[in-house]
């Protein structure tokens, strides 16, 4: 790498070649690209590990794709993949390895970090989780009054909430319907209040998920949940109704949780990559240890595909490179994630943290300011809800918004007529976005000339369509790992650290200073800016 990484990327010959590619493609319509190549829709597809991706509706040519792969090679993406899977400390700002891939490595494989086989450690925790989950699911784990557990409340925030909450919703069809699951993350008291309002304390188990057991939001909610339980069942009940996912044994024990019921993980697991660690305990209880291991097998299968497939046949690398293409060369600012499955309703929210907390960076690995855009904004809703909400902007607005459609050939419910309508809408939206409707077509329909411009659809809006046979635990794992490694690919191109998140810290620090100022009996001596000072005073007046 050159001395100044800030200019190194944009001065690469392949970067300049891609800029030259992008200029004419801004004025080439997808209608032209498909007309020039009648086989494009069959040819520009890639299938890996049960996921079929049609990327033909992108504003790319064969030469574009060749140059994007060349860009990945120029920034040594294959070497970076090897370094991650080898356990190198690629999270340089925190001096840590990045080994969420070890969380789903098969039993018996080996991966050394600082001289220790971490895969053996992972499976030791998985075995303890499995034993506990089976006891809860089978009724052997009883509450303080002798009643079996019927409600599980996961208390966490960020990756300790988004992953388990998303996975539960995605795999609800495979869950034990005799059990109720709730997820509390927001420090807004309404979140916890509503979560426990209709629960019987004697039948409720809380999972407190915080690596350090000091996260302000999580511990505020945990202490309130503890007080609720103690009010109904007494202090001695805590040990039967709380377990912890943490590494802070002292704090866990002080809370009243038996450390035998503490499930740990490691500093080489980032929060947003942690759902396949002990953070997934609620998921394992919901779908059972066998289902959970199927989820892990799906994650591992996509890990191996990413690790071994050539870049031009590598599905996560392809998605990542297409994101770089639109972000860096078309100035696209957002990506829409559009799952046509109600079970995946929380998947866009999960990807928001995965993508934007990872790649929302403005300095390179060397700490120099970038002179190119990094992560786009990820957002979305399940279809068909989004069609009656924001699709108007995607179709006829002034912004270019690449879309990922995600669908399944087979439904998990018996209403197959509904499923046909659902899939028809997904395929129709991708077609409409790509090809639009011309002024001539509008006129041929007899639309009055003055209304014609309102009825024209420009088209040329890019999308990927990702299809699988059926939403299973394994397929969910493959989808998650697909986007994890797409994020890694983007970070490698942009020369940024996808595995730290210093940006979330400042607000946390300031909030701890402001909180006592809001509740102080005497008027506090405020030393913030004039706006913050005035807002604190107004809150105190209204409180």
Protein backbone atom coordinates (compact mmCIF):
# COMPACT_ATOMS: atom_id res chain seq x y z
CA UNK A 1 0.00 0.00 0.00
CA UNK A 2 1.26 3.51 -0.82
CA UNK A 3 2.21 5.92 1.89
CA UNK A 4 -1.03 7.89 1.68
CA UNK A 5 -4.00 5.47 1.62
CA UNK A 6 -6.34 8.42 1.13
CA UNK A 7 -5.22 8.80 -2.49
CA UNK A 8 -3.99 5.26 -3.02
CA UNK A 9 -7.44 3.81 -3.77
CA UNK A 10 -8.69 6.53 -6.08
CA UNK A 11 -5.38 6.69 -7.94
CA UNK A 12 -5.43 3.01 -8.84
CA UNK A 13 -5.65 2.46 -12.60
CA UNK A 14 -8.57 0.07 -12.11
CA UNK A 15 -10.44 2.69 -10.09
CA UNK A 16 -10.00 5.17 -12.94
CA UNK A 17 -11.10 2.51 -15.42
CA UNK A 18 -14.27 2.00 -13.39
CA UNK A 19 -14.90 5.74 -13.39
CA UNK A 20 -14.59 5.66 -17.17
CA UNK A 21 -17.02 2.71 -17.26
CA UNK A 22 -19.57 4.47 -15.08
CA UNK A 23 -19.78 7.64 -17.16
CA UNK A 24 -21.46 6.15 -20.28
CA UNK A 25 -23.46 3.62 -18.24
CA UNK A 26 -25.30 6.48 -16.54
CA UNK A 27 -26.97 7.08 -19.90
CA UNK A 28 -27.47 3.44 -20.95
CA UNK A 29 -30.85 1.95 -20.11
CA UNK A 30 -31.35 -1.59 -18.88
CA UNK A 31 -33.78 -2.00 -21.78
CA UNK A 32 -30.81 -1.54 -24.12
CA UNK A 33 -28.59 -3.95 -22.20
CA UNK A 34 -31.25 -6.66 -22.32
CA UNK A 35 -31.99 -6.00 -25.99
CA UNK A 36 -28.29 -6.33 -26.85
CA UNK A 37 -28.01 -9.64 -24.96
CA UNK A 38 -31.18 -11.77 -24.95
CA UNK A 39 -29.47 -14.28 -22.63
CA UNK A 40 -28.55 -11.67 -20.02
CA UNK A 41 -31.28 -12.75 -17.58
CA UNK A 42 -30.01 -16.33 -17.52
CA UNK A 43 -26.33 -15.50 -17.78
CA UNK A 44 -25.87 -12.86 -15.08
CA UNK A 45 -26.88 -15.12 -12.24
CA UNK A 46 -24.96 -16.89 -9.52
CA UNK A 47 -26.04 -19.78 -7.31
CA UNK A 48 -24.28 -20.70 -4.08
CA UNK A 49 -25.33 -22.83 -1.13
CA UNK A 50 -29.01 -22.86 -2.02
CA UNK A 51 -29.22 -19.12 -2.75
CA UNK A 52 -29.90 -18.09 -6.35
CA UNK A 53 -29.02 -14.49 -7.18
CA UNK A 54 -30.19 -12.79 -10.37
CA UNK A 55 -28.02 -9.68 -10.76
CA UNK A 56 -28.85 -9.08 -14.42
CA UNK A 57 -30.94 -6.01 -13.59
CA UNK A 58 -27.85 -4.02 -12.62
CA UNK A 59 -26.32 -1.26 -14.69
CA UNK A 60 -23.21 -3.27 -15.45
CA UNK A 61 -21.57 -4.95 -18.42
CA UNK A 62 -19.23 -7.91 -18.51
CA UNK A 63 -16.37 -5.42 -18.55
CA UNK A 64 -17.73 -3.69 -15.44
CA UNK A 65 -17.82 -6.99 -13.58
CA UNK A 66 -14.32 -7.85 -14.74
CA UNK A 67 -13.01 -4.51 -13.50
CA UNK A 68 -14.78 -4.84 -10.14
CA UNK A 69 -13.10 -8.21 -9.60
CA UNK A 70 -9.81 -6.63 -10.64
CA UNK A 71 -10.40 -3.90 -8.05
CA UNK A 72 -10.95 -6.53 -5.35
CA UNK A 73 -7.69 -8.19 -6.34
CA UNK A 74 -5.86 -4.85 -6.36
CA UNK A 75 -6.81 -4.17 -2.74
CA UNK A 76 -5.83 -7.75 -1.85
CA UNK A 77 -9.31 -8.91 -0.83
CA UNK A 78 -8.27 -12.60 -1.03
CA UNK A 79 -5.39 -11.94 1.38
CA UNK A 80 -7.72 -10.12 3.76
CA UNK A 81 -10.15 -13.03 3.71
CA UNK A 82 -7.32 -15.42 4.58
CA UNK A 83 -6.19 -13.11 7.40
CA UNK A 84 -9.66 -13.03 8.96
CA UNK A 85 -10.17 -16.79 8.81
CA UNK A 86 -6.63 -17.35 10.13
CA UNK A 87 -7.36 -15.30 13.24
CA UNK A 88 -5.08 -12.34 12.51
CA UNK A 89 -5.90 -9.26 14.58
CA UNK A 90 -7.47 -7.40 11.69
CA UNK A 91 -9.46 -5.17 14.06
CA UNK A 92 -6.38 -3.02 14.37
CA UNK A 93 -7.83 -0.18 16.46
CA UNK A 94 -8.77 -2.61 19.24
CA UNK A 95 -6.00 -5.16 18.66
CA UNK A 96 -8.44 -8.03 18.19
CA UNK A 97 -9.02 -10.96 15.91
CA UNK A 98 -12.36 -11.06 14.09
CA UNK A 99 -13.65 -14.58 14.34
CA UNK A 100 -17.42 -14.77 14.19
CA UNK A 101 -16.67 -17.48 11.61
CA UNK A 102 -15.26 -19.60 14.47
CA UNK A 103 -18.67 -19.52 16.20
CA UNK A 104 -20.08 -21.79 13.52
CA UNK A 105 -17.02 -23.92 12.74
CA UNK A 106 -17.76 -27.66 12.96
CA UNK A 107 -16.80 -29.59 16.05
CA UNK A 108 -13.30 -30.98 15.70
CA UNK A 109 -11.94 -28.25 13.44
CA UNK A 110 -9.16 -26.15 14.89
CA UNK A 111 -8.43 -22.43 14.94
CA UNK A 112 -5.71 -21.04 17.17
CA UNK A 113 -5.90 -17.54 18.67
CA UNK A 114 -3.05 -16.56 20.97
CA UNK A 115 -2.15 -20.24 21.27
CA UNK A 116 -5.65 -21.43 22.21
CA UNK A 117 -8.02 -23.57 20.13
CA UNK A 118 -11.09 -21.32 20.12
CA UNK A 119 -13.31 -23.85 18.30
CA UNK A 120 -13.12 -26.20 21.26
CA UNK A 121 -14.14 -23.32 23.54
CA UNK A 122 -17.05 -22.45 21.25
CA UNK A 123 -18.43 -25.99 21.33
CA UNK A 124 -18.04 -26.22 25.09
CA UNK A 125 -20.37 -23.21 25.40
CA UNK A 126 -22.72 -24.59 22.75
CA UNK A 127 -23.01 -27.84 24.70
CA UNK A 128 -23.88 -25.95 27.90
CA UNK A 129 -26.42 -23.86 25.98
CA UNK A 130 -27.97 -27.01 24.50
CA UNK A 131 -28.33 -28.63 27.91
CA UNK A 132 -29.96 -25.53 29.36
CA UNK A 133 -32.26 -25.03 26.37
CA UNK A 134 -33.46 -28.63 26.56
CA UNK A 135 -34.22 -28.27 30.25
CA UNK A 136 -36.29 -25.13 29.65
CA UNK A 137 -38.08 -26.58 26.61
CA UNK A 138 -38.75 -29.90 28.34
CA UNK A 139 -39.99 -28.39 31.60
CA UNK A 140 -37.13 -29.66 33.75
CA UNK A 141 -36.02 -26.11 34.57
CA UNK A 142 -38.55 -24.85 37.09
CA UNK A 143 -39.11 -21.42 38.51
CA UNK A 144 -38.91 -20.58 42.20
CA UNK A 145 -42.49 -21.71 42.85
CA UNK A 146 -42.10 -25.00 41.02
CA UNK A 147 -43.89 -23.86 37.86
CA UNK A 148 -42.30 -24.53 34.48
CA UNK A 149 -41.04 -21.63 32.38
CA UNK A 150 -43.45 -20.45 29.70
CA UNK A 151 -42.08 -17.00 28.83
CA UNK A 152 -38.54 -15.97 27.93
CA UNK A 153 -37.56 -12.28 27.92
CA UNK A 154 -34.24 -11.39 26.31
CA UNK A 155 -32.80 -8.13 27.64
CA UNK A 156 -30.02 -6.64 25.52
CA UNK A 157 -29.33 -3.88 23.03
CA UNK A 158 -27.65 -3.57 19.66
CA UNK A 159 -26.36 -6.95 18.52
CA UNK A 160 -27.53 -8.50 21.79
CA UNK A 161 -31.10 -7.68 20.77
CA UNK A 162 -31.31 -7.23 17.00
CA UNK A 163 -29.83 -10.65 16.21
CA UNK A 164 -31.98 -12.73 18.59
CA UNK A 165 -35.13 -10.70 17.85
CA UNK A 166 -34.63 -11.01 14.09
CA UNK A 167 -33.83 -14.73 14.28
CA UNK A 168 -36.88 -15.47 16.44
CA UNK A 169 -39.22 -13.70 14.03
CA UNK A 170 -37.54 -15.31 11.01
CA UNK A 171 -37.77 -18.81 12.49
CA UNK A 172 -41.04 -18.47 14.37
CA UNK A 173 -42.54 -21.23 12.23
CA UNK A 174 -39.98 -23.61 13.76
CA UNK A 175 -40.38 -22.38 17.34
CA UNK A 176 -42.01 -24.05 20.34
CA UNK A 177 -45.45 -22.43 20.31
CA UNK A 178 -45.99 -23.30 23.97
CA UNK A 179 -43.37 -20.68 24.83
CA UNK A 180 -43.70 -16.90 24.63
CA UNK A 181 -40.68 -14.81 23.62
CA UNK A 182 -40.20 -11.09 24.20
CA UNK A 183 -37.23 -8.84 23.45
CA UNK A 184 -36.45 -5.71 25.45
CA UNK A 185 -33.77 -3.26 24.35
CA UNK A 186 -34.96 0.33 24.60
CA UNK A 187 -34.22 2.07 27.89
CA UNK A 188 -37.59 3.76 27.45
CA UNK A 189 -39.53 2.19 30.32
CA UNK A 190 -42.44 1.47 28.00
CA UNK A 191 -40.45 -1.30 26.33
CA UNK A 192 -40.03 -3.37 29.49
CA UNK A 193 -43.42 -2.42 30.91
CA UNK A 194 -45.24 -3.69 27.84
CA UNK A 195 -43.03 -6.78 27.58
CA UNK A 196 -43.96 -8.08 31.03
CA UNK A 197 -47.47 -6.64 31.39
CA UNK A 198 -49.28 -9.92 30.73
CA UNK A 199 -46.63 -12.34 32.02
CA UNK A 200 -46.73 -14.47 35.15
CA UNK A 201 -43.47 -13.84 37.08
CA UNK A 202 -43.49 -17.45 38.30
CA UNK A 203 -43.30 -18.66 34.67
CA UNK A 204 -40.90 -16.04 33.29
CA UNK A 205 -37.18 -16.42 32.56
CA UNK A 206 -35.01 -13.39 31.82
CA UNK A 207 -31.83 -13.64 29.73
CA UNK A 208 -29.60 -10.63 30.41
CA UNK A 209 -27.24 -10.24 27.46
CA UNK A 210 -24.32 -7.93 28.08
CA UNK A 211 -20.70 -8.95 27.62
CA UNK A 212 -19.45 -6.57 30.31
CA UNK A 213 -22.67 -6.56 32.36
CA UNK A 214 -22.30 -2.78 32.48
CA UNK A 215 -24.19 -1.63 29.33
CA UNK A 216 -26.34 1.22 30.67
CA UNK A 217 -29.54 0.47 28.77
CA UNK A 218 -29.37 -3.29 29.33
CA UNK A 219 -28.55 -3.08 33.01
CA UNK A 220 -31.20 -0.42 33.65
CA UNK A 221 -33.80 -2.75 32.14
CA UNK A 222 -32.33 -5.78 33.94
CA UNK A 223 -32.48 -4.09 37.34
CA UNK A 224 -36.08 -3.05 36.74
CA UNK A 225 -36.99 -6.58 35.64
CA UNK A 226 -35.29 -7.90 38.77
CA UNK A 227 -37.31 -5.52 40.96
CA UNK A 228 -40.53 -6.66 39.22
CA UNK A 229 -39.68 -10.29 39.90
CA UNK A 230 -38.62 -9.71 43.51
CA UNK A 231 -41.81 -7.76 44.19
CA UNK A 232 -43.84 -10.81 43.23
CA UNK A 233 -41.64 -13.76 44.25
CA UNK A 234 -38.99 -12.47 46.64
CA UNK A 235 -35.21 -12.07 46.50
CA UNK A 236 -34.44 -15.79 46.50
CA UNK A 237 -36.29 -16.25 43.19
CA UNK A 238 -33.70 -14.31 41.16
CA UNK A 239 -31.40 -17.29 40.64
CA UNK A 240 -34.21 -19.37 39.12
CA UNK A 241 -35.56 -16.65 36.84
CA UNK A 242 -32.42 -14.92 35.51
CA UNK A 243 -29.51 -16.21 33.46
CA UNK A 244 -26.71 -14.18 31.89
CA UNK A 245 -24.83 -14.02 28.62
CA UNK A 246 -21.72 -12.25 29.82
CA UNK A 247 -18.05 -12.54 30.70
CA UNK A 248 -18.21 -10.52 33.95
CA UNK A 249 -18.67 -13.25 36.56
CA UNK A 250 -18.30 -10.85 39.50
CA UNK A 251 -21.08 -8.54 38.32
CA UNK A 252 -23.31 -11.47 37.31
CA UNK A 253 -22.96 -13.03 40.77
CA UNK A 254 -23.59 -9.68 42.48
CA UNK A 255 -26.83 -9.41 40.52
CA UNK A 256 -27.95 -12.71 42.04
CA UNK A 257 -27.39 -14.99 39.05
CA UNK A 258 -25.64 -18.32 39.62
CA UNK A 259 -22.48 -18.20 37.49
CA UNK A 260 -23.23 -21.80 36.49
CA UNK A 261 -26.00 -20.16 34.46
CA UNK A 262 -23.68 -17.64 32.81
CA UNK A 263 -22.84 -18.25 29.18
CA UNK A 264 -19.74 -16.48 27.92
CA UNK A 265 -18.25 -15.34 24.65
CA UNK A 266 -15.03 -13.67 23.58
CA UNK A 267 -13.52 -10.31 22.68
CA UNK A 268 -13.01 -11.51 19.10
CA UNK A 269 -16.80 -11.50 18.68
CA UNK A 270 -18.19 -8.09 17.76
CA UNK A 271 -21.69 -7.30 18.99
CA UNK A 272 -23.29 -7.09 15.56
CA UNK A 273 -21.64 -10.39 14.61
CA UNK A 274 -22.58 -12.17 17.84
CA UNK A 275 -25.96 -13.76 17.17
CA UNK A 276 -24.33 -17.17 16.60
CA UNK A 277 -22.57 -16.94 19.98
CA UNK A 278 -24.24 -17.42 23.37
CA UNK A 279 -26.21 -14.27 22.46
CA UNK A 280 -28.35 -16.73 20.50
CA UNK A 281 -29.49 -18.55 23.65
CA UNK A 282 -33.08 -17.34 23.24
CA UNK A 283 -33.01 -18.52 19.61
CA UNK A 284 -31.82 -21.96 20.72
CA UNK A 285 -34.59 -22.18 23.31
CA UNK A 286 -37.14 -21.16 20.67
CA UNK A 287 -36.16 -23.58 17.88
CA UNK A 288 -34.28 -26.21 19.87
CA UNK A 289 -30.61 -27.18 19.80
CA UNK A 290 -30.99 -29.19 16.58
CA UNK A 291 -32.56 -26.25 14.78
CA UNK A 292 -29.92 -23.93 16.16
CA UNK A 293 -27.13 -26.15 14.88
CA UNK A 294 -28.82 -26.14 11.49
CA UNK A 295 -28.65 -22.34 11.61
CA UNK A 296 -24.93 -22.57 12.42
CA UNK A 297 -24.38 -25.02 9.58
CA UNK A 298 -25.91 -22.54 7.16
CA UNK A 299 -23.65 -19.76 8.41
CA UNK A 300 -20.63 -22.03 8.08
CA UNK A 301 -21.57 -23.11 4.56
CA UNK A 302 -21.62 -19.49 3.36
CA UNK A 303 -18.40 -18.80 5.29
CA UNK A 304 -16.72 -21.59 3.37
CA UNK A 305 -18.11 -20.38 0.06
CA UNK A 306 -16.74 -16.90 0.73
CA UNK A 307 -13.39 -18.31 1.82
CA UNK A 308 -12.88 -20.64 -1.13
CA UNK A 309 -14.85 -19.44 -4.17
CA UNK A 310 -13.03 -17.45 -6.90
CA UNK A 311 -13.99 -13.80 -6.72
CA UNK A 312 -15.93 -13.89 -9.98
CA UNK A 313 -18.05 -16.75 -8.59
CA UNK A 314 -18.20 -15.51 -4.99
CA UNK A 315 -21.72 -14.42 -4.02
CA UNK A 316 -20.87 -12.23 -0.96
CA UNK A 317 -18.00 -10.61 -2.87
CA UNK A 318 -20.31 -9.92 -5.82
CA UNK A 319 -22.92 -8.22 -3.63
CA UNK A 320 -20.23 -6.19 -1.92
CA UNK A 321 -18.66 -5.11 -5.21
CA UNK A 322 -22.04 -4.06 -6.63
CA UNK A 323 -22.60 -1.95 -3.52
CA UNK A 324 -19.21 -0.30 -4.05
CA UNK A 325 -20.12 0.25 -7.72
CA UNK A 326 -23.26 2.22 -6.93
CA UNK A 327 -21.93 4.00 -3.85
CA UNK A 328 -18.57 5.07 -5.22
CA UNK A 329 -19.32 5.51 -8.92
CA UNK A 330 -23.04 6.40 -9.11
CA UNK A 331 -23.28 8.42 -5.86
CA UNK A 332 -26.11 6.19 -4.61
CA UNK A 333 -26.68 6.99 -0.94
CA UNK A 334 -28.99 4.18 0.15
CA UNK A 335 -29.72 0.47 -0.40
CA UNK A 336 -33.20 -0.96 0.08
CA UNK A 337 -33.57 -4.47 1.55
CA UNK A 338 -36.95 -5.84 0.51
CA UNK A 339 -37.71 -9.33 1.87
CA UNK A 340 -40.94 -10.78 0.49
CA UNK A 341 -41.51 -12.77 3.66
CA UNK A 342 -43.31 -11.55 6.74
CA UNK A 343 -41.02 -13.76 8.79
CA UNK A 344 -38.09 -11.57 7.70
CA UNK A 345 -39.75 -8.37 8.86
CA UNK A 346 -36.84 -7.60 11.23
CA UNK A 347 -34.13 -8.50 8.71
CA UNK A 348 -33.74 -4.94 7.33
CA UNK A 349 -33.34 -3.58 10.87
CA UNK A 350 -30.75 -6.27 11.62
CA UNK A 351 -28.83 -5.36 8.46
CA UNK A 352 -28.91 -1.68 9.39
CA UNK A 353 -26.64 -2.32 12.34
CA UNK A 354 -24.51 -4.88 10.51
CA UNK A 355 -23.81 -2.57 7.59
CA UNK A 356 -23.84 0.96 8.96
CA UNK A 357 -22.14 0.31 12.28
CA UNK A 358 -19.50 -1.65 10.40
CA UNK A 359 -18.79 0.64 7.47
CA UNK A 360 -20.02 4.01 8.70
CA UNK A 361 -16.43 5.23 8.80
CA UNK A 362 -14.65 8.28 7.39
CA UNK A 363 -11.02 7.34 7.97
CA UNK A 364 -8.89 4.58 6.48
CA UNK A 365 -7.18 1.82 8.42
CA UNK A 366 -4.19 4.16 8.63
CA UNK A 367 -6.36 6.87 10.21
CA UNK A 368 -6.45 9.24 7.24
CA UNK A 369 -9.62 10.93 6.03
CA UNK A 370 -11.23 9.24 3.02
CA UNK A 371 -12.07 11.26 -0.08
CA UNK A 372 -14.81 8.91 -1.29
CA UNK A 373 -18.17 7.84 0.17
CA UNK A 374 -18.29 4.75 2.32
CA UNK A 375 -21.33 2.82 3.61
CA UNK A 376 -24.69 3.59 2.06
CA UNK A 377 -27.75 3.81 4.28
CA UNK A 378 -29.52 0.45 4.50
CA UNK A 379 -33.25 0.36 5.09
CA UNK A 380 -36.37 -1.51 4.09
CA UNK A 381 -39.62 -3.23 4.96
CA UNK A 382 -41.14 -6.56 3.99
CA UNK A 383 -43.14 -6.77 0.80
CA UNK A 384 -45.88 -6.08 0.02
CA UNK A 385 -46.16 -3.48 2.79
CA UNK A 386 -43.39 -1.35 1.33
CA UNK A 387 -45.17 -1.16 -2.02
CA UNK A 388 -47.86 0.95 -0.40
CA UNK A 389 -45.35 3.08 1.45
CA UNK A 390 -42.03 4.07 -0.14
CA UNK A 391 -41.85 2.28 -3.51
CA UNK A 392 -43.23 5.42 -5.17
CA UNK A 393 -39.92 7.15 -4.40
CA UNK A 394 -37.89 4.24 -5.75
CA UNK A 395 -39.91 4.13 -8.98
CA UNK A 396 -40.38 7.80 -9.82
CA UNK A 397 -38.25 9.77 -7.39
CA UNK A 398 -35.02 11.58 -8.22
CA UNK A 399 -32.68 9.29 -6.25
CA UNK A 400 -31.00 6.11 -7.42
CA UNK A 401 -31.80 3.39 -4.86
CA UNK A 402 -30.40 -0.09 -5.57
CA UNK A 403 -32.67 -2.80 -4.16
CA UNK A 404 -32.23 -6.35 -2.93
CA UNK A 405 -35.39 -8.44 -3.29
CA UNK A 406 -35.39 -11.63 -1.17
CA UNK A 407 -37.98 -14.34 -1.75
CA UNK A 408 -38.77 -18.03 -1.27
CA UNK A 409 -40.38 -20.40 -3.74
CA UNK A 410 -42.26 -22.32 -1.05
CA UNK A 411 -44.28 -20.78 1.81
CA UNK A 412 -44.12 -21.85 5.44
CA UNK A 413 -47.87 -21.41 5.84
CA UNK A 414 -50.69 -23.32 4.14
CA UNK A 415 -52.05 -20.30 2.26
CA UNK A 416 -50.41 -21.03 -1.08
CA UNK A 417 -52.74 -18.69 -2.99
CA UNK A 418 -51.41 -15.83 -0.85
CA UNK A 419 -47.86 -16.91 -1.63
CA UNK A 420 -48.42 -16.79 -5.38
CA UNK A 421 -49.69 -13.22 -5.08
CA UNK A 422 -46.71 -12.32 -2.87
CA UNK A 423 -44.12 -13.69 -5.30
CA UNK A 424 -45.91 -12.18 -8.30
CA UNK A 425 -45.60 -8.78 -6.64
CA UNK A 426 -41.89 -9.26 -5.95
CA UNK A 427 -41.10 -10.29 -9.52
CA UNK A 428 -43.30 -7.54 -10.95
CA UNK A 429 -41.64 -4.84 -8.86
CA UNK A 430 -38.16 -5.87 -9.98
CA UNK A 431 -39.35 -5.90 -13.60
CA UNK A 432 -41.04 -2.50 -13.31
CA UNK A 433 -38.02 -0.92 -11.66
CA UNK A 434 -35.74 -2.17 -14.41
CA UNK A 435 -37.79 -1.52 -17.52
CA UNK A 436 -40.37 1.09 -16.51
CA UNK A 437 -43.01 2.38 -18.89
CA UNK A 438 -42.19 4.68 -21.80
CA UNK A 439 -44.08 7.76 -22.91
CA UNK A 440 -45.07 5.91 -26.08
CA UNK A 441 -46.57 3.06 -24.05
CA UNK A 442 -48.49 5.54 -21.90
CA UNK A 443 -49.83 7.32 -24.98
CA UNK A 444 -50.85 4.00 -26.53
CA UNK A 445 -53.05 3.39 -23.50
CA UNK A 446 -55.02 6.51 -24.38
CA UNK A 447 -53.77 8.63 -21.49
CA UNK A 448 -54.39 12.35 -22.06
CA UNK A 449 -51.17 14.14 -23.11
CA UNK A 450 -51.12 16.45 -20.10
CA UNK A 451 -51.20 13.41 -17.79
CA UNK A 452 -48.60 11.47 -19.73
CA UNK A 453 -45.51 12.66 -17.80
CA UNK A 454 -47.13 11.60 -14.53
CA UNK A 455 -47.68 8.08 -15.84
CA UNK A 456 -44.23 7.50 -17.29
CA UNK A 457 -41.87 5.24 -15.34
CA UNK A 458 -38.27 5.95 -16.19
CA UNK A 459 -37.08 2.48 -15.13
CA UNK A 460 -33.36 1.76 -15.17
CA UNK A 461 -33.51 1.28 -11.39
CA UNK A 462 -31.10 -1.53 -10.41
CA UNK A 463 -31.89 -4.54 -8.25
CA UNK A 464 -30.74 -8.00 -7.23
CA UNK A 465 -33.23 -10.80 -6.68
CA UNK A 466 -32.17 -13.48 -4.19
CA UNK A 467 -34.24 -16.65 -4.20
CA UNK A 468 -34.22 -19.76 -2.04
CA UNK A 469 -36.48 -22.77 -2.01
CA UNK A 470 -37.76 -22.24 1.52
CA UNK A 471 -36.90 -20.21 4.62
CA UNK A 472 -35.20 -22.70 6.95
CA UNK A 473 -32.73 -22.20 9.81
CA UNK A 474 -29.88 -23.10 7.44
CA UNK A 475 -31.05 -20.69 4.74
CA UNK A 476 -31.39 -17.90 7.32
CA UNK A 477 -27.78 -18.59 8.36
CA UNK A 478 -26.67 -18.36 4.75
CA UNK A 479 -28.45 -15.05 4.24
CA UNK A 480 -26.87 -13.58 7.37
CA UNK A 481 -23.36 -14.69 6.40
CA UNK A 482 -23.96 -13.47 2.83
CA UNK A 483 -24.43 -9.92 4.07
CA UNK A 484 -21.70 -10.18 6.73
CA UNK A 485 -19.14 -11.00 4.05
CA UNK A 486 -20.57 -8.45 1.63
CA UNK A 487 -19.86 -5.84 4.32
CA UNK A 488 -16.32 -7.23 4.70
CA UNK A 489 -15.80 -6.92 0.95
CA UNK A 490 -16.93 -3.29 0.94
CA UNK A 491 -14.63 -2.48 3.85
CA UNK A 492 -11.67 -4.08 2.08
CA UNK A 493 -12.27 -1.95 -1.00
CA UNK A 494 -12.69 1.27 0.97
CA UNK A 495 -9.74 0.45 3.27
CA UNK A 496 -11.74 0.92 6.47
CA UNK A 497 -12.12 -1.07 9.69
CA UNK A 498 -15.51 -2.82 9.66
CA UNK A 499 -15.08 -4.16 13.19
CA UNK A 500 -14.84 -1.20 15.55
CA UNK A 501 -17.59 1.28 16.45
CA UNK A 502 -16.05 4.24 18.24
CA UNK A 503 -18.82 6.46 16.91
CA UNK A 504 -21.35 5.08 19.37
CA UNK A 505 -19.27 6.01 22.42
CA UNK A 506 -19.42 9.80 22.60
CA UNK A 507 -23.18 10.00 23.01
CA UNK A 508 -23.04 7.35 25.74
CA UNK A 509 -20.43 9.32 27.68
CA UNK A 510 -22.37 12.58 27.42
CA UNK A 511 -25.64 10.90 28.44
CA UNK A 512 -24.09 9.76 31.72
CA UNK A 513 -23.23 13.38 32.45
CA UNK A 514 -26.67 14.68 31.52
CA UNK A 515 -28.79 12.05 33.33
CA UNK A 516 -28.07 13.32 36.88
CA UNK A 517 -28.57 16.91 35.70
CA UNK A 518 -32.10 16.02 34.64
CA UNK A 519 -33.02 14.52 38.02
CA UNK A 520 -31.04 16.67 40.47
CA UNK A 521 -33.19 18.24 43.20
CA UNK A 522 -31.24 21.48 43.18
CA UNK A 523 -30.75 23.45 39.97
CA UNK A 524 -27.58 21.96 38.42
CA UNK A 525 -24.67 24.07 37.24
CA UNK A 526 -24.83 23.42 33.49
CA UNK A 527 -21.77 23.71 31.29
CA UNK A 528 -23.01 22.43 27.92
CA UNK A 529 -23.67 24.51 24.81
CA UNK A 530 -26.57 26.97 25.00
CA UNK A 531 -28.97 24.65 23.14
CA UNK A 532 -28.31 21.63 25.38
CA UNK A 533 -28.46 23.78 28.52
CA UNK A 534 -31.82 25.23 27.45
CA UNK A 535 -33.23 21.81 26.63
CA UNK A 536 -32.16 20.40 30.00
CA UNK A 537 -33.88 23.31 31.76
CA UNK A 538 -37.05 22.82 29.71
CA UNK A 539 -37.16 19.08 30.49
CA UNK A 540 -36.77 19.87 34.20
CA UNK A 541 -39.63 22.39 33.99
CA UNK A 542 -41.92 19.92 32.24
CA UNK A 543 -40.93 16.86 34.28
